[in-house]
Amino acid sequence: MATATTRDSFVERMGGALTSAGLARLPSRVFAALLVDDDGRMTAAEIASGLGVSPAGVSGAVRYLDGIGMIRRERERGSRRDVFVVEDDAWHGMIARVDQVYAPLIAALDRGLADLPPADPAHHRLRLAREFLAFVLTEMSDLDRRWAARRAELGLDD
């Protein structure tokens, strides 16, 4: 079992890495705190206390993380308190939802392509973007299948 100091160090390192990758600082730290928590479940008060931040800040951070599929909100049985949960395989779950992100982008690009004549210089950029996103979606289904096989190979299936 990790010590509080070890967990705190991880939260700061991982939070910093996620922030460098483009995620806002507090959601990065909240995600890291949930990731390193023994059962991956914390209340807003536990998160606020552990990170030394305001409950209002935690509220915004967990709303954001829930919205992008990095965590989920559950109601504690017999209580009105929410508990925020990170899945053991959170990265896979988040990336597996890529179609929810890319489908609206592809639809917007399709509309732009329909509205612009093929000779318009922007048409080429829009088509390139659309085809790349469609390619990523296709590749993700294969990646999902390969990850399932790799998890089994590593003995990491639940």
Protein backbone atom coordinates (compact mmCIF):
# COMPACT_ATOMS: atom_id res chain seq x y z
CA MET A 1 0.00 0.00 0.00
CA ALA A 2 1.38 3.41 -1.00
CA THR A 3 2.04 6.10 1.56
CA ALA A 4 0.27 9.48 1.47
CA THR A 5 3.53 11.10 0.36
CA THR A 6 3.92 8.62 -2.49
CA ARG A 7 0.32 9.23 -3.59
CA ASP A 8 0.74 13.02 -3.35
CA SER A 9 3.89 12.85 -5.47
CA PHE A 10 2.07 10.75 -8.06
CA VAL A 11 -0.86 13.18 -8.16
CA GLU A 12 1.48 16.10 -8.82
CA ARG A 13 3.55 14.23 -11.44
CA MET A 14 0.56 12.77 -13.28
CA GLY A 15 -1.42 15.98 -12.92
CA GLY A 16 1.49 17.88 -14.42
CA ALA A 17 1.79 15.42 -17.30
CA LEU A 18 -1.93 15.68 -18.08
CA THR A 19 -1.74 19.48 -17.86
CA SER A 20 1.19 19.44 -20.30
CA ALA A 21 -0.94 17.30 -22.60
CA GLY A 22 -3.65 19.99 -22.64
CA LEU A 23 -6.02 19.14 -19.77
CA ALA A 24 -6.75 21.93 -17.28
CA ARG A 25 -4.70 21.74 -14.07
CA LEU A 26 -7.40 20.93 -11.49
CA PRO A 27 -9.19 18.27 -13.56
CA SER A 28 -5.75 16.73 -14.17
CA ARG A 29 -5.03 16.56 -10.44
CA VAL A 30 -8.53 15.25 -9.63
CA PHE A 31 -8.17 12.47 -12.21
CA ALA A 32 -4.72 11.57 -10.88
CA ALA A 33 -6.04 11.50 -7.28
CA LEU A 34 -8.85 9.13 -8.26
CA LEU A 35 -6.47 7.00 -10.31
CA VAL A 36 -4.12 6.43 -7.35
CA ASP A 37 -6.86 6.07 -4.71
CA ASP A 38 -7.16 2.51 -3.31
CA ASP A 39 -10.61 1.86 -4.76
CA GLY A 40 -10.74 4.69 -7.30
CA ARG A 41 -13.76 6.23 -5.52
CA MET A 42 -13.85 9.55 -3.68
CA THR A 43 -16.42 12.09 -2.59
CA ALA A 44 -16.03 15.74 -3.53
CA ALA A 45 -15.10 16.50 0.10
CA GLU A 46 -12.37 13.83 0.05
CA ILE A 47 -11.00 15.18 -3.22
CA ALA A 48 -11.06 18.79 -1.96
CA SER A 49 -9.34 17.82 1.29
CA GLY A 50 -6.73 15.64 -0.40
CA LEU A 51 -5.83 18.26 -2.98
CA GLY A 52 -6.21 21.28 -0.72
CA VAL A 53 -8.68 22.98 -3.05
CA SER A 54 -12.17 24.42 -2.71
CA PRO A 55 -15.29 22.27 -3.09
CA ALA A 56 -16.43 24.66 -5.86
CA GLY A 57 -13.25 23.93 -7.81
CA VAL A 58 -13.78 20.20 -7.38
CA SER A 59 -17.37 20.55 -8.60
CA GLY A 60 -16.26 22.10 -11.88
CA ALA A 61 -13.41 19.63 -12.32
CA VAL A 62 -15.54 16.51 -11.80
CA ARG A 63 -18.29 17.90 -14.05
CA TYR A 64 -15.69 18.34 -16.79
CA LEU A 65 -14.11 14.89 -16.25
CA ASP A 66 -17.53 13.22 -16.21
CA GLY A 67 -18.47 15.04 -19.40
CA ILE A 68 -15.47 13.70 -21.30
CA GLY A 69 -15.83 10.19 -19.91
CA MET A 70 -12.75 10.07 -17.70
CA ILE A 71 -14.77 9.46 -14.52
CA ARG A 72 -18.37 8.75 -13.60
CA ARG A 73 -20.63 10.02 -10.86
CA GLU A 74 -22.51 7.60 -8.61
CA ARG A 75 -24.86 8.18 -5.71
CA GLU A 76 -23.81 6.52 -2.45
CA ARG A 77 -26.45 3.98 -1.47
CA GLY A 78 -28.71 5.38 1.24
CA SER A 79 -27.14 8.82 0.98
CA ARG A 80 -27.45 12.02 -0.98
CA ARG A 81 -23.67 12.22 -1.46
CA ASP A 82 -22.13 11.76 -4.87
CA VAL A 83 -19.08 9.60 -5.28
CA PHE A 84 -16.74 10.04 -8.22
CA VAL A 85 -15.30 6.87 -9.72
CA VAL A 86 -12.48 6.16 -12.11
CA GLU A 87 -12.55 2.78 -13.84
CA ASP A 88 -9.53 0.49 -13.58
CA ASP A 89 -9.20 0.71 -17.38
CA ALA A 90 -10.15 4.40 -17.58
CA TRP A 91 -7.88 5.16 -20.52
CA HIS A 92 -9.46 2.48 -22.66
CA GLY A 93 -12.95 3.61 -21.74
CA MET A 94 -12.18 7.21 -22.57
CA ILE A 95 -10.55 6.41 -25.90
CA ALA A 96 -13.25 3.90 -26.80
CA ARG A 97 -15.76 6.79 -26.74
CA VAL A 98 -13.86 8.50 -29.54
CA ASP A 99 -16.83 8.06 -31.88
CA GLN A 100 -18.86 10.39 -29.64
CA VAL A 101 -16.23 13.06 -30.21
CA TYR A 102 -15.43 12.46 -33.86
CA ALA A 103 -18.93 11.76 -35.23
CA PRO A 104 -20.15 15.36 -34.72
CA LEU A 105 -16.86 16.68 -36.16
CA ILE A 106 -17.22 14.46 -39.23
CA ALA A 107 -20.84 15.59 -39.65
CA ALA A 108 -19.79 19.26 -39.49
CA LEU A 109 -17.01 18.61 -42.00
CA ASP A 110 -19.45 16.79 -44.30
CA ARG A 111 -21.75 19.81 -44.19
CA GLY A 112 -18.84 22.14 -44.93
CA LEU A 113 -17.78 19.95 -47.86
CA ALA A 114 -21.33 20.01 -49.24
CA ASP A 115 -21.44 23.81 -48.94
CA LEU A 116 -18.03 24.55 -50.52
CA PRO A 117 -17.28 24.00 -54.18
CA PRO A 118 -14.45 21.48 -54.78
CA ALA A 119 -12.31 24.23 -56.34
CA ASP A 120 -12.35 26.24 -53.09
CA PRO A 121 -8.95 25.95 -51.32
CA ALA A 122 -10.67 25.26 -47.99
CA HIS A 123 -12.47 22.26 -49.54
CA HIS A 124 -9.18 20.35 -49.68
CA ARG A 125 -8.41 21.08 -46.00
CA LEU A 126 -11.90 20.06 -44.92
CA ARG A 127 -11.74 16.85 -46.93
CA LEU A 128 -8.32 16.01 -45.53
CA ALA A 129 -9.58 16.58 -41.97
CA ARG A 130 -12.74 14.55 -42.60
CA GLU A 131 -10.88 11.62 -44.11
CA PHE A 132 -8.33 11.61 -41.28
CA LEU A 133 -11.06 11.51 -38.61
CA ALA A 134 -12.91 8.75 -40.50
CA PHE A 135 -9.62 6.81 -40.69
CA VAL A 136 -9.08 7.22 -36.93
CA LEU A 137 -12.58 5.90 -36.22
CA THR A 138 -11.97 2.83 -38.38
CA GLU A 139 -8.60 2.18 -36.76
CA MET A 140 -10.05 2.55 -33.26
CA SER A 141 -12.33 -0.46 -33.69
CA ASP A 142 -9.31 -2.58 -34.63
CA LEU A 143 -7.31 -1.11 -31.76
CA ASP A 144 -10.11 -1.99 -29.33
CA ARG A 145 -10.04 -5.63 -30.49
CA ARG A 146 -6.24 -5.78 -30.24
CA TRP A 147 -6.28 -4.26 -26.73
CA ALA A 148 -8.73 -6.94 -25.54
CA ALA A 149 -6.34 -9.61 -26.83
CA ARG A 150 -3.34 -7.89 -25.22
CA ARG A 151 -5.10 -7.59 -21.86
CA ALA A 152 -5.80 -11.31 -21.96
CA GLU A 153 -2.14 -12.00 -22.87
CA LEU A 154 -0.98 -9.97 -19.88
CA GLY A 155 -3.49 -11.60 -17.54
CA LEU A 156 -5.13 -8.25 -16.84
CA ASP A 157 -8.71 -9.27 -17.57
CA ASP A 158 -11.07 -8.82 -14.65
